[in-house]
Structure formats: structure tokens, C-alpha cells
Amino acid sequence: MYVCSCFGITDQQVKEHAAAGACTPRQIASATKAGTDCGSCVRTIQGLLGRGACPRRELLERGKTPAVALAPESELAGAA
């Protein structure tokens, strides 16, 4: 299902970026541009991300670097 029609971003792509460490709609936007044009998808992205724990944020708070860096969309597409 398309989450962001402006840039053709699917819910699966959002979930892949979340698994790679994106914890906020802003981080999803940095990786995919989703939510940066009309903004109507931001609430849907928030819903997909949920309000649960963010492994990346927890590692940063402990002073550790995440093992998986947030990859740009082009790199994630090539990895699949």
C-alpha cells in the first residue's frame, strides 16, 4: 500500500527504514522524502512507526553507535 503518493513510498519501505533505525517521521523523510511535499502521509507514517521503544534512540542515549546506520533509499532498494 502506498503511504506517500507524492514520492511513491510504500508501507513496506517505511517498515524497512524503521527496522534499519528510523524512529521518527523526520528520519523517514530524510531517507525517503515521504512527508516532505503535501504532508498528508505524516500521520500514517507515525502510525506505522508506533510509539514503542526505539532501539536506535536507546543506543544513542547509552552513548553507543547503532550497528546499522540509516541507509538512503537507493541503498535499501539495492539490498532487497
PDB file of N, CA and C in Angstrom:
ATOM      1  N   MET A   1       0.844  -1.168   0.000  1.00  0.00           N
ATOM      2  CA  MET A   1       0.000   0.000   0.000  1.00  0.00           C
ATOM      3  C   MET A   1       0.896   1.241   0.000  1.00  0.00           C
ATOM      4  N   TYR A   2       0.517   2.209  -0.828  1.00  0.00           N
ATOM      5  CA  TYR A   2       1.273   3.462  -0.860  1.00  0.00           C
ATOM      6  C   TYR A   2       0.930   4.307   0.358  1.00  0.00           C
ATOM      7  N   VAL A   3       1.970   4.783   1.018  1.00  0.00           N
ATOM      8  CA  VAL A   3       1.820   5.680   2.156  1.00  0.00           C
ATOM      9  C   VAL A   3       1.945   7.123   1.661  1.00  0.00           C
ATOM     10  N   CYS A   4       2.922   7.355   0.819  1.00  0.00           N
ATOM     11  CA  CYS A   4       3.181   8.691   0.275  1.00  0.00           C
ATOM     12  C   CYS A   4       3.019   8.645  -1.237  1.00  0.00           C
ATOM     13  N   SER A   5       1.905   9.185  -1.716  1.00  0.00           N
ATOM     14  CA  SER A   5       1.693   9.180  -3.164  1.00  0.00           C
ATOM     15  C   SER A   5       2.562  10.208  -3.873  1.00  0.00           C
ATOM     16  N   CYS A   6       2.987  11.232  -3.185  1.00  0.00           N
ATOM     17  CA  CYS A   6       3.832  12.253  -3.810  1.00  0.00           C
ATOM     18  C   CYS A   6       5.158  11.655  -4.292  1.00  0.00           C
ATOM     19  N   PHE A   7       5.717  10.732  -3.510  1.00  0.00           N
ATOM     20  CA  PHE A   7       7.019  10.154  -3.847  1.00  0.00           C
ATOM     21  C   PHE A   7       6.970   8.642  -4.044  1.00  0.00           C
ATOM     22  N   GLY A   8       5.781   8.049  -4.024  1.00  0.00           N
ATOM     23  CA  GLY A   8       5.638   6.623  -4.295  1.00  0.00           C
ATOM     24  C   GLY A   8       6.261   5.725  -3.234  1.00  0.00           C
ATOM     25  N   ILE A   9       6.135   6.106  -1.966  1.00  0.00           N
ATOM     26  CA  ILE A   9       6.722   5.334  -0.866  1.00  0.00           C
ATOM     27  C   ILE A   9       5.643   4.415  -0.278  1.00  0.00           C
ATOM     28  N   THR A  10       5.987   3.153  -0.110  1.00  0.00           N
ATOM     29  CA  THR A  10       5.031   2.169   0.397  1.00  0.00           C
ATOM     30  C   THR A  10       5.201   1.953   1.895  1.00  0.00           C
ATOM     31  N   ASP A  11       4.199   1.322   2.492  1.00  0.00           N
ATOM     32  CA  ASP A  11       4.290   0.995   3.909  1.00  0.00           C
ATOM     33  C   ASP A  11       5.454   0.047   4.168  1.00  0.00           C
ATOM     34  N   GLN A  12       5.743  -0.842   3.220  1.00  0.00           N
ATOM     35  CA  GLN A  12       6.858  -1.772   3.386  1.00  0.00           C
ATOM     36  C   GLN A  12       8.186  -1.030   3.439  1.00  0.00           C
ATOM     37  N   GLN A  13       8.340  -0.003   2.609  1.00  0.00           N
ATOM     38  CA  GLN A  13       9.564   0.786   2.634  1.00  0.00           C
ATOM     39  C   GLN A  13       9.718   1.510   3.970  1.00  0.00           C
ATOM     40  N   VAL A  14       8.634   2.041   4.486  1.00  0.00           N
ATOM     41  CA  VAL A  14       8.677   2.709   5.792  1.00  0.00           C
ATOM     42  C   VAL A  14       9.089   1.699   6.865  1.00  0.00           C
ATOM     43  N   LYS A  15       8.522   0.506   6.821  1.00  0.00           N
ATOM     44  CA  LYS A  15       8.860  -0.529   7.806  1.00  0.00           C
ATOM     45  C   LYS A  15      10.323  -0.951   7.693  1.00  0.00           C
ATOM     46  N   GLU A  16      10.852  -1.017   6.464  1.00  0.00           N
ATOM     47  CA  GLU A  16      12.265  -1.368   6.284  1.00  0.00           C
ATOM     48  C   GLU A  16      13.173  -0.305   6.881  1.00  0.00           C
ATOM     49  N   HIS A  17      12.844   0.948   6.660  1.00  0.00           N
ATOM     50  CA  HIS A  17      13.643   2.033   7.237  1.00  0.00           C
ATOM     51  C   HIS A  17      13.517   2.040   8.759  1.00  0.00           C
ATOM     52  N   ALA A  18      12.335   1.735   9.273  1.00  0.00           N
ATOM     53  CA  ALA A  18      12.154   1.659  10.725  1.00  0.00           C
ATOM     54  C   ALA A  18      13.013   0.537  11.300  1.00  0.00           C
ATOM     55  N   ALA A  19      13.057  -0.593  10.609  1.00  0.00           N
ATOM     56  CA  ALA A  19      13.890  -1.711  11.071  1.00  0.00           C
ATOM     57  C   ALA A  19      15.371  -1.349  11.021  1.00  0.00           C
ATOM     58  N   ALA A  20      15.741  -0.451  10.102  1.00  0.00           N
ATOM     59  CA  ALA A  20      17.131  -0.015   9.980  1.00  0.00           C
ATOM     60  C   ALA A  20      17.476   1.090  10.978  1.00  0.00           C
ATOM     61  N   GLY A  21      16.472   1.566  11.744  1.00  0.00           N
ATOM     62  CA  GLY A  21      16.776   2.529  12.796  1.00  0.00           C
ATOM     63  C   GLY A  21      16.036   3.843  12.737  1.00  0.00           C
ATOM     64  N   ALA A  22      15.215   4.065  11.727  1.00  0.00           N
ATOM     65  CA  ALA A  22      14.450   5.316  11.663  1.00  0.00           C
ATOM     66  C   ALA A  22      13.314   5.258  12.673  1.00  0.00           C
ATOM     67  N   CYS A  23      13.303   6.176  13.613  1.00  0.00           N
ATOM     68  CA  CYS A  23      12.328   6.130  14.707  1.00  0.00           C
ATOM     69  C   CYS A  23      11.273   7.219  14.619  1.00  0.00           C
ATOM     70  N   THR A  24      11.468   8.176  13.738  1.00  0.00           N
ATOM     71  CA  THR A  24      10.545   9.313  13.667  1.00  0.00           C
ATOM     72  C   THR A  24      10.165   9.587  12.221  1.00  0.00           C
ATOM     73  N   PRO A  25       9.036  10.258  12.007  1.00  0.00           N
ATOM     74  CA  PRO A  25       8.679  10.649  10.637  1.00  0.00           C
ATOM     75  C   PRO A  25       9.766  11.504   9.979  1.00  0.00           C
ATOM     76  N   ARG A  26      10.450  12.305  10.749  1.00  0.00           N
ATOM     77  CA  ARG A  26      11.523  13.139  10.195  1.00  0.00           C
ATOM     78  C   ARG A  26      12.669  12.271   9.664  1.00  0.00           C
ATOM     79  N   GLN A  27      13.000  11.202  10.372  1.00  0.00           N
ATOM     80  CA  GLN A  27      14.054  10.302   9.903  1.00  0.00           C
ATOM     81  C   GLN A  27      13.601   9.537   8.658  1.00  0.00           C
ATOM     82  N   ILE A  28      12.331   9.174   8.604  1.00  0.00           N
ATOM     83  CA  ILE A  28      11.784   8.541   7.404  1.00  0.00           C
ATOM     84  C   ILE A  28      11.858   9.528   6.240  1.00  0.00           C
ATOM     85  N   ALA A  29      11.520  10.787   6.496  1.00  0.00           N
ATOM     86  CA  ALA A  29      11.575  11.818   5.460  1.00  0.00           C
ATOM     87  C   ALA A  29      13.001  12.014   4.951  1.00  0.00           C
ATOM     88  N   SER A  30      13.964  11.967   5.836  1.00  0.00           N
ATOM     89  CA  SER A  30      15.366  12.123   5.422  1.00  0.00           C
ATOM     90  C   SER A  30      15.804  11.002   4.492  1.00  0.00           C
ATOM     91  N   ALA A  31      15.288   9.817   4.745  1.00  0.00           N
ATOM     92  CA  ALA A  31      15.685   8.664   3.941  1.00  0.00           C
ATOM     93  C   ALA A  31      14.880   8.527   2.655  1.00  0.00           C
ATOM     94  N   THR A  32      13.607   8.976   2.645  1.00  0.00           N
ATOM     95  CA  THR A  32      12.726   8.680   1.510  1.00  0.00           C
ATOM     96  C   THR A  32      12.046   9.889   0.888  1.00  0.00           C
ATOM     97  N   LYS A  33      12.072  11.024   1.532  1.00  0.00           N
ATOM     98  CA  LYS A  33      11.340  12.241   1.154  1.00  0.00           C
ATOM     99  C   LYS A  33       9.848  12.159   1.516  1.00  0.00           C
ATOM    100  N   ALA A  34       9.379  11.018   1.988  1.00  0.00           N
ATOM    101  CA  ALA A  34       7.960  10.883   2.359  1.00  0.00           C
ATOM    102  C   ALA A  34       7.614  11.901   3.434  1.00  0.00           C
ATOM    103  N   GLY A  35       6.519  12.616   3.218  1.00  0.00           N
ATOM    104  CA  GLY A  35       6.063  13.603   4.184  1.00  0.00           C
ATOM    105  C   GLY A  35       6.618  14.989   3.970  1.00  0.00           C
ATOM    106  N   THR A  36       7.440  15.165   2.936  1.00  0.00           N
ATOM    107  CA  THR A  36       8.064  16.473   2.729  1.00  0.00           C
ATOM    108  C   THR A  36       7.369  17.318   1.669  1.00  0.00           C
ATOM    109  N   ASP A  37       6.383  16.784   0.982  1.00  0.00           N
ATOM    110  CA  ASP A  37       5.691  17.571  -0.041  1.00  0.00           C
ATOM    111  C   ASP A  37       4.368  18.064   0.519  1.00  0.00           C
ATOM    112  N   CYS A  38       3.300  17.320   0.377  1.00  0.00           N
ATOM    113  CA  CYS A  38       1.991  17.803   0.852  1.00  0.00           C
ATOM    114  C   CYS A  38       1.791  17.527   2.347  1.00  0.00           C
ATOM    115  N   GLY A  39       2.497  16.526   2.897  1.00  0.00           N
ATOM    116  CA  GLY A  39       2.423  16.243   4.331  1.00  0.00           C
ATOM    117  C   GLY A  39       1.255  15.384   4.769  1.00  0.00           C
ATOM    118  N   SER A  40       0.393  14.979   3.841  1.00  0.00           N
ATOM    119  CA  SER A  40      -0.789  14.211   4.252  1.00  0.00           C
ATOM    120  C   SER A  40      -0.454  12.811   4.748  1.00  0.00           C
ATOM    121  N   CYS A  41       0.753  12.322   4.486  1.00  0.00           N
ATOM    122  CA  CYS A  41       1.118  10.965   4.897  1.00  0.00           C
ATOM    123  C   CYS A  41       1.793  10.911   6.264  1.00  0.00           C
ATOM    124  N   VAL A  42       2.104  12.036   6.858  1.00  0.00           N
ATOM    125  CA  VAL A  42       2.870  12.056   8.106  1.00  0.00           C
ATOM    126  C   VAL A  42       2.158  11.283   9.223  1.00  0.00           C
ATOM    127  N   ARG A  43       0.861  11.446   9.351  1.00  0.00           N
ATOM    128  CA  ARG A  43       0.127  10.717  10.397  1.00  0.00           C
ATOM    129  C   ARG A  43       0.147   9.214  10.141  1.00  0.00           C
ATOM    130  N   THR A  44       0.073   8.811   8.887  1.00  0.00           N
ATOM    131  CA  THR A  44       0.139   7.386   8.558  1.00  0.00           C
ATOM    132  C   THR A  44       1.516   6.834   8.903  1.00  0.00           C
ATOM    133  N   ILE A  45       2.553   7.599   8.602  1.00  0.00           N
ATOM    134  CA  ILE A  45       3.918   7.177   8.939  1.00  0.00           C
ATOM    135  C   ILE A  45       4.063   7.063  10.456  1.00  0.00           C
ATOM    136  N   GLN A  46       3.514   8.027  11.197  1.00  0.00           N
ATOM    137  CA  GLN A  46       3.549   7.957  12.663  1.00  0.00           C
ATOM    138  C   GLN A  46       2.869   6.685  13.144  1.00  0.00           C
ATOM    139  N   GLY A  47       1.743   6.345  12.526  1.00  0.00           N
ATOM    140  CA  GLY A  47       1.030   5.128  12.903  1.00  0.00           C
ATOM    141  C   GLY A  47       1.836   3.876  12.627  1.00  0.00           C
ATOM    142  N   LEU A  48       2.552   3.852  11.517  1.00  0.00           N
ATOM    143  CA  LEU A  48       3.381   2.697  11.189  1.00  0.00           C
ATOM    144  C   LEU A  48       4.562   2.568  12.146  1.00  0.00           C
ATOM    145  N   LEU A  49       5.118   3.690  12.552  1.00  0.00           N
ATOM    146  CA  LEU A  49       6.261   3.662  13.465  1.00  0.00           C
ATOM    147  C   LEU A  49       5.837   3.300  14.879  1.00  0.00           C
ATOM    148  N   GLY A  50       4.600   3.641  15.244  1.00  0.00           N
ATOM    149  CA  GLY A  50       4.112   3.338  16.578  1.00  0.00           C
ATOM    150  C   GLY A  50       4.767   4.190  17.645  1.00  0.00           C
ATOM    151  N   ARG A  51       4.462   3.877  18.860  1.00  0.00           N
ATOM    152  CA  ARG A  51       5.008   4.634  19.991  1.00  0.00           C
ATOM    153  C   ARG A  51       5.905   3.766  20.848  1.00  0.00           C
ATOM    154  N   GLY A  52       6.349   2.658  20.300  1.00  0.00           N
ATOM    155  CA  GLY A  52       7.171   1.726  21.069  1.00  0.00           C
ATOM    156  C   GLY A  52       8.588   2.216  21.257  1.00  0.00           C
ATOM    157  N   ALA A  53       9.378   1.353  21.825  1.00  0.00           N
ATOM    158  CA  ALA A  53      10.784   1.668  22.065  1.00  0.00           C
ATOM    159  C   ALA A  53      11.512   1.830  20.745  1.00  0.00           C
ATOM    160  N   CYS A  54      12.483   2.694  20.744  1.00  0.00           N
ATOM    161  CA  CYS A  54      13.295   2.928  19.563  1.00  0.00           C
ATOM    162  C   CYS A  54      14.710   2.435  19.855  1.00  0.00           C
ATOM    163  N   PRO A  55      15.097   1.294  19.269  1.00  0.00           N
ATOM    164  CA  PRO A  55      16.431   0.750  19.568  1.00  0.00           C
ATOM    165  C   PRO A  55      17.548   1.733  19.277  1.00  0.00           C
ATOM    166  N   ARG A  56      17.431   2.489  18.185  1.00  0.00           N
ATOM    167  CA  ARG A  56      18.470   3.441  17.817  1.00  0.00           C
ATOM    168  C   ARG A  56      18.587   4.533  18.878  1.00  0.00           C
ATOM    169  N   ARG A  57      17.450   5.066  19.319  1.00  0.00           N
ATOM    170  CA  ARG A  57      17.449   6.115  20.335  1.00  0.00           C
ATOM    171  C   ARG A  57      18.036   5.590  21.645  1.00  0.00           C
ATOM    172  N   GLU A  58      17.682   4.353  22.010  1.00  0.00           N
ATOM    173  CA  GLU A  58      18.199   3.780  23.254  1.00  0.00           C
ATOM    174  C   GLU A  58      19.718   3.635  23.190  1.00  0.00           C
ATOM    175  N   LEU A  59      20.246   3.214  22.040  1.00  0.00           N
ATOM    176  CA  LEU A  59      21.699   3.091  21.895  1.00  0.00           C
ATOM    177  C   LEU A  59      22.376   4.450  21.988  1.00  0.00           C
ATOM    178  N   LEU A  60      21.790   5.456  21.345  1.00  0.00           N
ATOM    179  CA  LEU A  60      22.376   6.797  21.390  1.00  0.00           C
ATOM    180  C   LEU A  60      22.382   7.354  22.807  1.00  0.00           C
ATOM    181  N   GLU A  61      21.317   7.079  23.562  1.00  0.00           N
ATOM    182  CA  GLU A  61      21.249   7.566  24.939  1.00  0.00           C
ATOM    183  C   GLU A  61      22.315   6.902  25.807  1.00  0.00           C
ATOM    184  N   ARG A  62      22.681   5.676  25.470  1.00  0.00           N
ATOM    185  CA  ARG A  62      23.723   4.973  26.225  1.00  0.00           C
ATOM    186  C   ARG A  62      25.121   5.329  25.738  1.00  0.00           C
ATOM    187  N   GLY A  63      25.196   6.183  24.690  1.00  0.00           N
ATOM    188  CA  GLY A  63      26.488   6.592  24.172  1.00  0.00           C
ATOM    189  C   GLY A  63      27.093   5.613  23.188  1.00  0.00           C
ATOM    190  N   LYS A  64      26.272   4.706  22.659  1.00  0.00           N
ATOM    191  CA  LYS A  64      26.774   3.737  21.692  1.00  0.00           C
ATOM    192  C   LYS A  64      26.257   4.102  20.307  1.00  0.00           C
ATOM    193  N   THR A  65      26.981   3.672  19.301  1.00  0.00           N
ATOM    194  CA  THR A  65      26.556   3.917  17.925  1.00  0.00           C
ATOM    195  C   THR A  65      25.752   2.719  17.443  1.00  0.00           C
ATOM    196  N   PRO A  66      24.647   2.949  16.745  1.00  0.00           N
ATOM    197  CA  PRO A  66      23.871   1.837  16.220  1.00  0.00           C
ATOM    198  C   PRO A  66      24.687   1.012  15.230  1.00  0.00           C
ATOM    199  N   ALA A  67      24.479  -0.286  15.239  1.00  0.00           N
ATOM    200  CA  ALA A  67      25.206  -1.168  14.332  1.00  0.00           C
ATOM    201  C   ALA A  67      24.803  -0.923  12.885  1.00  0.00           C
ATOM    202  N   VAL A  68      23.550  -0.594  12.673  1.00  0.00           N
ATOM    203  CA  VAL A  68      23.053  -0.354  11.319  1.00  0.00           C
ATOM    204  C   VAL A  68      22.762   1.134  11.176  1.00  0.00           C
ATOM    205  N   ALA A  69      23.478   1.771  10.270  1.00  0.00           N
ATOM    206  CA  ALA A  69      23.225   3.193  10.020  1.00  0.00           C
ATOM    207  C   ALA A  69      22.006   3.329   9.120  1.00  0.00           C
ATOM    208  N   LEU A  70      21.346   4.436   9.208  1.00  0.00           N
ATOM    209  CA  LEU A  70      20.182   4.703   8.370  1.00  0.00           C
ATOM    210  C   LEU A  70      20.650   4.866   6.935  1.00  0.00           C
ATOM    211  N   ALA A  71      20.208   3.968   6.067  1.00  0.00           N
ATOM    212  CA  ALA A  71      20.654   3.966   4.678  1.00  0.00           C
ATOM    213  C   ALA A  71      19.729   4.802   3.808  1.00  0.00           C
ATOM    214  N   PRO A  72      20.299   5.471   2.817  1.00  0.00           N
ATOM    215  CA  PRO A  72      19.448   6.182   1.869  1.00  0.00           C
ATOM    216  C   PRO A  72      18.573   5.199   1.093  1.00  0.00           C
ATOM    217  N   GLU A  73      17.473   5.685   0.553  1.00  0.00           N
ATOM    218  CA  GLU A  73      16.509   4.848  -0.168  1.00  0.00           C
ATOM    219  C   GLU A  73      17.183   4.012  -1.251  1.00  0.00           C
ATOM    220  N   SER A  74      18.127   4.582  -1.989  1.00  0.00           N
ATOM    221  CA  SER A  74      18.771   3.860  -3.088  1.00  0.00           C
ATOM    222  C   SER A  74      19.523   2.635  -2.592  1.00  0.00           C
ATOM    223  N   GLU A  75      20.138   2.719  -1.424  1.00  0.00           N
ATOM    224  CA  GLU A  75      20.868   1.581  -0.887  1.00  0.00           C
ATOM    225  C   GLU A  75      19.934   0.503  -0.391  1.00  0.00           C
ATOM    226  N   LEU A  76      18.824   0.863   0.231  1.00  0.00           N
ATOM    227  CA  LEU A  76      17.861  -0.132   0.704  1.00  0.00           C
ATOM    228  C   LEU A  76      17.244  -0.873  -0.469  1.00  0.00           C
ATOM    229  N   ALA A  77      16.947  -0.170  -1.543  1.00  0.00           N
ATOM    230  CA  ALA A  77      16.332  -0.803  -2.709  1.00  0.00           C
ATOM    231  C   ALA A  77      17.275  -1.839  -3.308  1.00  0.00           C
ATOM    232  N   GLY A  78      18.565  -1.554  -3.310  1.00  0.00           N
ATOM    233  CA  GLY A  78      19.544  -2.482  -3.865  1.00  0.00           C
ATOM    234  C   GLY A  78      19.765  -3.682  -2.982  1.00  0.00           C
ATOM    235  N   ALA A  79      19.518  -3.556  -1.679  1.00  0.00           N
ATOM    236  CA  ALA A  79      19.740  -4.645  -0.743  1.00  0.00           C
ATOM    237  C   ALA A  79      18.618  -5.659  -0.761  1.00  0.00           C
ATOM    238  N   ALA A  80      17.445  -5.283  -1.253  1.00  0.00           N
ATOM    239  CA  ALA A  80      16.291  -6.187  -1.220  1.00  0.00           C
ATOM    240  C   ALA A  80      16.301  -7.200  -2.319  1.00  0.00           C
TER     241      ALA A  80
END
